[in-house]
Amino acid sequence: MAHTITDACLACGACAAECPVEAISEGDPKYLIDADICTDCGACVEVCPADCIEA
């Protein structure tokens, strides 16, 4: 199951830069994770300063 980004997202871009499969893109007002691409690796969770990425 792909990770999701909650409304607490700061839109800093740290998660997108860390994603090895480029599943994260800038949305409005928060970043979005494409569930079809996400490999559930968790790399984005480790770098999120807002702790807003959930499994």
PDB file of N, CA and C in Angstrom:
ATOM      1  N   MET A   1       0.835  -1.183   0.000  1.00  0.00           N
ATOM      2  CA  MET A   1       0.000   0.000   0.000  1.00  0.00           C
ATOM      3  C   MET A   1       0.882   1.251   0.000  1.00  0.00           C
ATOM      4  N   ALA A   2       0.555   2.198  -0.821  1.00  0.00           N
ATOM      5  CA  ALA A   2       1.348   3.417  -0.944  1.00  0.00           C
ATOM      6  C   ALA A   2       1.186   4.323   0.271  1.00  0.00           C
ATOM      7  N   HIS A   3       2.194   5.114   0.517  1.00  0.00           N
ATOM      8  CA  HIS A   3       2.135   6.102   1.581  1.00  0.00           C
ATOM      9  C   HIS A   3       1.211   7.243   1.148  1.00  0.00           C
ATOM     10  N   THR A   4       0.737   8.020   2.115  1.00  0.00           N
ATOM     11  CA  THR A   4      -0.085   9.192   1.831  1.00  0.00           C
ATOM     12  C   THR A   4       0.457  10.376   2.615  1.00  0.00           C
ATOM     13  N   ILE A   5       0.163  11.563   2.123  1.00  0.00           N
ATOM     14  CA  ILE A   5       0.603  12.796   2.766  1.00  0.00           C
ATOM     15  C   ILE A   5      -0.615  13.491   3.355  1.00  0.00           C
ATOM     16  N   THR A   6      -0.539  13.824   4.628  1.00  0.00           N
ATOM     17  CA  THR A   6      -1.668  14.464   5.309  1.00  0.00           C
ATOM     18  C   THR A   6      -1.681  15.973   5.046  1.00  0.00           C
ATOM     19  N   ASP A   7      -2.733  16.628   5.543  1.00  0.00           N
ATOM     20  CA  ASP A   7      -2.877  18.071   5.375  1.00  0.00           C
ATOM     21  C   ASP A   7      -1.844  18.870   6.154  1.00  0.00           C
ATOM     22  N   ALA A   8      -1.061  18.219   7.001  1.00  0.00           N
ATOM     23  CA  ALA A   8      -0.011  18.906   7.756  1.00  0.00           C
ATOM     24  C   ALA A   8       1.215  19.201   6.893  1.00  0.00           C
ATOM     25  N   CYS A   9       1.189  18.785   5.631  1.00  0.00           N
ATOM     26  CA  CYS A   9       2.308  18.985   4.697  1.00  0.00           C
ATOM     27  C   CYS A   9       2.707  20.455   4.621  1.00  0.00           C
ATOM     28  N   LEU A  10       4.010  20.706   4.706  1.00  0.00           N
ATOM     29  CA  LEU A  10       4.560  22.057   4.621  1.00  0.00           C
ATOM     30  C   LEU A  10       4.920  22.442   3.186  1.00  0.00           C
ATOM     31  N   ALA A  11       4.790  21.507   2.252  1.00  0.00           N
ATOM     32  CA  ALA A  11       5.143  21.711   0.842  1.00  0.00           C
ATOM     33  C   ALA A  11       6.599  22.132   0.689  1.00  0.00           C
ATOM     34  N   CYS A  12       7.474  21.512   1.487  1.00  0.00           N
ATOM     35  CA  CYS A  12       8.899  21.865   1.441  1.00  0.00           C
ATOM     36  C   CYS A  12       9.654  21.150   0.318  1.00  0.00           C
ATOM     37  N   GLY A  13       9.126  20.008  -0.134  1.00  0.00           N
ATOM     38  CA  GLY A  13       9.766  19.286  -1.220  1.00  0.00           C
ATOM     39  C   GLY A  13      10.800  18.262  -0.801  1.00  0.00           C
ATOM     40  N   ALA A  14      11.062  18.139   0.491  1.00  0.00           N
ATOM     41  CA  ALA A  14      12.073  17.189   0.965  1.00  0.00           C
ATOM     42  C   ALA A  14      11.731  15.764   0.551  1.00  0.00           C
ATOM     43  N   CYS A  15      10.473  15.404   0.617  1.00  0.00           N
ATOM     44  CA  CYS A  15      10.045  14.044   0.280  1.00  0.00           C
ATOM     45  C   CYS A  15      10.238  13.751  -1.206  1.00  0.00           C
ATOM     46  N   ALA A  16       9.876  14.709  -2.043  1.00  0.00           N
ATOM     47  CA  ALA A  16       9.995  14.510  -3.492  1.00  0.00           C
ATOM     48  C   ALA A  16      11.448  14.303  -3.901  1.00  0.00           C
ATOM     49  N   ALA A  17      12.338  15.055  -3.274  1.00  0.00           N
ATOM     50  CA  ALA A  17      13.764  14.941  -3.591  1.00  0.00           C
ATOM     51  C   ALA A  17      14.324  13.586  -3.182  1.00  0.00           C
ATOM     52  N   GLU A  18      13.740  12.969  -2.175  1.00  0.00           N
ATOM     53  CA  GLU A  18      14.249  11.702  -1.643  1.00  0.00           C
ATOM     54  C   GLU A  18      13.660  10.469  -2.334  1.00  0.00           C
ATOM     55  N   CYS A  19      12.511  10.613  -2.988  1.00  0.00           N
ATOM     56  CA  CYS A  19      11.815   9.465  -3.584  1.00  0.00           C
ATOM     57  C   CYS A  19      12.611   8.849  -4.747  1.00  0.00           C
ATOM     58  N   PRO A  20      13.003   7.575  -4.618  1.00  0.00           N
ATOM     59  CA  PRO A  20      13.825   6.938  -5.656  1.00  0.00           C
ATOM     60  C   PRO A  20      13.067   6.619  -6.953  1.00  0.00           C
ATOM     61  N   VAL A  21      11.739   6.618  -6.903  1.00  0.00           N
ATOM     62  CA  VAL A  21      10.958   6.291  -8.102  1.00  0.00           C
ATOM     63  C   VAL A  21      10.137   7.479  -8.606  1.00  0.00           C
ATOM     64  N   GLU A  22      10.403   8.663  -8.049  1.00  0.00           N
ATOM     65  CA  GLU A  22       9.738   9.899  -8.452  1.00  0.00           C
ATOM     66  C   GLU A  22       8.215   9.800  -8.394  1.00  0.00           C
ATOM     67  N   ALA A  23       7.705   9.204  -7.305  1.00  0.00           N
ATOM     68  CA  ALA A  23       6.264   9.037  -7.127  1.00  0.00           C
ATOM     69  C   ALA A  23       5.610  10.244  -6.472  1.00  0.00           C
ATOM     70  N   ILE A  24       6.403  11.195  -6.025  1.00  0.00           N
ATOM     71  CA  ILE A  24       5.876  12.347  -5.303  1.00  0.00           C
ATOM     72  C   ILE A  24       5.980  13.595  -6.169  1.00  0.00           C
ATOM     73  N   SER A  25       4.864  14.330  -6.245  1.00  0.00           N
ATOM     74  CA  SER A  25       4.835  15.548  -7.049  1.00  0.00           C
ATOM     75  C   SER A  25       4.187  16.683  -6.273  1.00  0.00           C
ATOM     76  N   GLU A  26       4.491  17.884  -6.696  1.00  0.00           N
ATOM     77  CA  GLU A  26       3.946  19.059  -6.041  1.00  0.00           C
ATOM     78  C   GLU A  26       2.467  19.197  -6.378  1.00  0.00           C
ATOM     79  N   GLY A  27       1.679  19.360  -5.355  1.00  0.00           N
ATOM     80  CA  GLY A  27       0.252  19.578  -5.542  1.00  0.00           C
ATOM     81  C   GLY A  27      -0.127  20.922  -4.947  1.00  0.00           C
ATOM     82  N   ASP A  28      -1.395  21.184  -4.850  1.00  0.00           N
ATOM     83  CA  ASP A  28      -1.850  22.432  -4.268  1.00  0.00           C
ATOM     84  C   ASP A  28      -2.949  22.131  -3.275  1.00  0.00           C
ATOM     85  N   PRO A  29      -2.721  22.273  -2.008  1.00  0.00           N
ATOM     86  CA  PRO A  29      -1.616  22.959  -1.337  1.00  0.00           C
ATOM     87  C   PRO A  29      -0.543  22.026  -0.801  1.00  0.00           C
ATOM     88  N   LYS A  30      -0.689  20.722  -0.965  1.00  0.00           N
ATOM     89  CA  LYS A  30       0.291  19.779  -0.415  1.00  0.00           C
ATOM     90  C   LYS A  30       0.832  18.876  -1.521  1.00  0.00           C
ATOM     91  N   TYR A  31       1.935  18.209  -1.211  1.00  0.00           N
ATOM     92  CA  TYR A  31       2.512  17.264  -2.163  1.00  0.00           C
ATOM     93  C   TYR A  31       1.651  16.007  -2.239  1.00  0.00           C
ATOM     94  N   LEU A  32       1.747  15.289  -3.334  1.00  0.00           N
ATOM     95  CA  LEU A  32       0.932  14.098  -3.566  1.00  0.00           C
ATOM     96  C   LEU A  32       1.818  12.908  -3.898  1.00  0.00           C
ATOM     97  N   ILE A  33       1.398  11.719  -3.468  1.00  0.00           N
ATOM     98  CA  ILE A  33       2.113  10.483  -3.773  1.00  0.00           C
ATOM     99  C   ILE A  33       1.260   9.666  -4.735  1.00  0.00           C
ATOM    100  N   ASP A  34       1.827   9.311  -5.878  1.00  0.00           N
ATOM    101  CA  ASP A  34       1.138   8.494  -6.865  1.00  0.00           C
ATOM    102  C   ASP A  34       1.178   7.036  -6.402  1.00  0.00           C
ATOM    103  N   ALA A  35       0.042   6.514  -6.007  1.00  0.00           N
ATOM    104  CA  ALA A  35      -0.049   5.150  -5.468  1.00  0.00           C
ATOM    105  C   ALA A  35       0.356   4.092  -6.480  1.00  0.00           C
ATOM    106  N   ASP A  36       0.236   4.394  -7.765  1.00  0.00           N
ATOM    107  CA  ASP A  36       0.605   3.428  -8.801  1.00  0.00           C
ATOM    108  C   ASP A  36       2.117   3.306  -8.968  1.00  0.00           C
ATOM    109  N   ILE A  37       2.843   4.322  -8.534  1.00  0.00           N
ATOM    110  CA  ILE A  37       4.297   4.332  -8.684  1.00  0.00           C
ATOM    111  C   ILE A  37       5.018   4.021  -7.373  1.00  0.00           C
ATOM    112  N   CYS A  38       4.448   4.443  -6.251  1.00  0.00           N
ATOM    113  CA  CYS A  38       5.065   4.285  -4.940  1.00  0.00           C
ATOM    114  C   CYS A  38       5.400   2.819  -4.648  1.00  0.00           C
ATOM    115  N   THR A  39       6.640   2.585  -4.202  1.00  0.00           N
ATOM    116  CA  THR A  39       7.082   1.224  -3.871  1.00  0.00           C
ATOM    117  C   THR A  39       7.043   0.955  -2.365  1.00  0.00           C
ATOM    118  N   ASP A  40       6.532   1.917  -1.606  1.00  0.00           N
ATOM    119  CA  ASP A  40       6.385   1.779  -0.160  1.00  0.00           C
ATOM    120  C   ASP A  40       7.735   1.610   0.539  1.00  0.00           C
ATOM    121  N   CYS A  41       8.760   2.282   0.028  1.00  0.00           N
ATOM    122  CA  CYS A  41      10.105   2.129   0.596  1.00  0.00           C
ATOM    123  C   CYS A  41      10.283   2.891   1.914  1.00  0.00           C
ATOM    124  N   GLY A  42       9.519   3.980   2.093  1.00  0.00           N
ATOM    125  CA  GLY A  42       9.593   4.746   3.328  1.00  0.00           C
ATOM    126  C   GLY A  42      10.664   5.820   3.366  1.00  0.00           C
ATOM    127  N   ALA A  43      11.381   6.015   2.281  1.00  0.00           N
ATOM    128  CA  ALA A  43      12.443   7.029   2.264  1.00  0.00           C
ATOM    129  C   ALA A  43      11.888   8.421   2.539  1.00  0.00           C
ATOM    130  N   CYS A  44      10.704   8.698   2.056  1.00  0.00           N
ATOM    131  CA  CYS A  44      10.083  10.008   2.249  1.00  0.00           C
ATOM    132  C   CYS A  44       9.735  10.255   3.715  1.00  0.00           C
ATOM    133  N   VAL A  45       9.322   9.210   4.394  1.00  0.00           N
ATOM    134  CA  VAL A  45       8.936   9.329   5.810  1.00  0.00           C
ATOM    135  C   VAL A  45      10.120   9.798   6.642  1.00  0.00           C
ATOM    136  N   GLU A  46      11.292   9.286   6.346  1.00  0.00           N
ATOM    137  CA  GLU A  46      12.495   9.599   7.114  1.00  0.00           C
ATOM    138  C   GLU A  46      12.917  11.059   7.006  1.00  0.00           C
ATOM    139  N   VAL A  47      12.622  11.725   5.885  1.00  0.00           N
ATOM    140  CA  VAL A  47      13.091  13.094   5.681  1.00  0.00           C
ATOM    141  C   VAL A  47      12.024  14.162   5.907  1.00  0.00           C
ATOM    142  N   CYS A  48      10.799  13.769   6.134  1.00  0.00           N
ATOM    143  CA  CYS A  48       9.701  14.736   6.295  1.00  0.00           C
ATOM    144  C   CYS A  48       9.818  15.492   7.616  1.00  0.00           C
ATOM    145  N   PRO A  49      10.012  16.829   7.564  1.00  0.00           N
ATOM    146  CA  PRO A  49      10.140  17.596   8.800  1.00  0.00           C
ATOM    147  C   PRO A  49       8.819  17.767   9.548  1.00  0.00           C
ATOM    148  N   ALA A  50       7.708  17.543   8.873  1.00  0.00           N
ATOM    149  CA  ALA A  50       6.383  17.718   9.493  1.00  0.00           C
ATOM    150  C   ALA A  50       5.783  16.396   9.953  1.00  0.00           C
ATOM    151  N   ASP A  51       6.481  15.298   9.724  1.00  0.00           N
ATOM    152  CA  ASP A  51       5.968  13.973  10.065  1.00  0.00           C
ATOM    153  C   ASP A  51       4.542  13.765   9.559  1.00  0.00           C
ATOM    154  N   CYS A  52       4.314  14.139   8.302  1.00  0.00           N
ATOM    155  CA  CYS A  52       2.962  14.078   7.756  1.00  0.00           C
ATOM    156  C   CYS A  52       2.764  12.977   6.719  1.00  0.00           C
ATOM    157  N   ILE A  53       3.724  12.070   6.587  1.00  0.00           N
ATOM    158  CA  ILE A  53       3.594  10.981   5.621  1.00  0.00           C
ATOM    159  C   ILE A  53       3.282   9.704   6.371  1.00  0.00           C
ATOM    160  N   GLU A  54       2.175   9.081   5.987  1.00  0.00           N
ATOM    161  CA  GLU A  54       1.699   7.886   6.677  1.00  0.00           C
ATOM    162  C   GLU A  54       1.641   6.685   5.735  1.00  0.00           C
ATOM    163  N   ALA A  55       1.810   5.518   6.310  1.00  0.00           N
ATOM    164  CA  ALA A  55       1.714   4.275   5.537  1.00  0.00           C
ATOM    165  C   ALA A  55       0.272   3.842   5.426  1.00  0.00           C
TER     166      ALA A  55
END
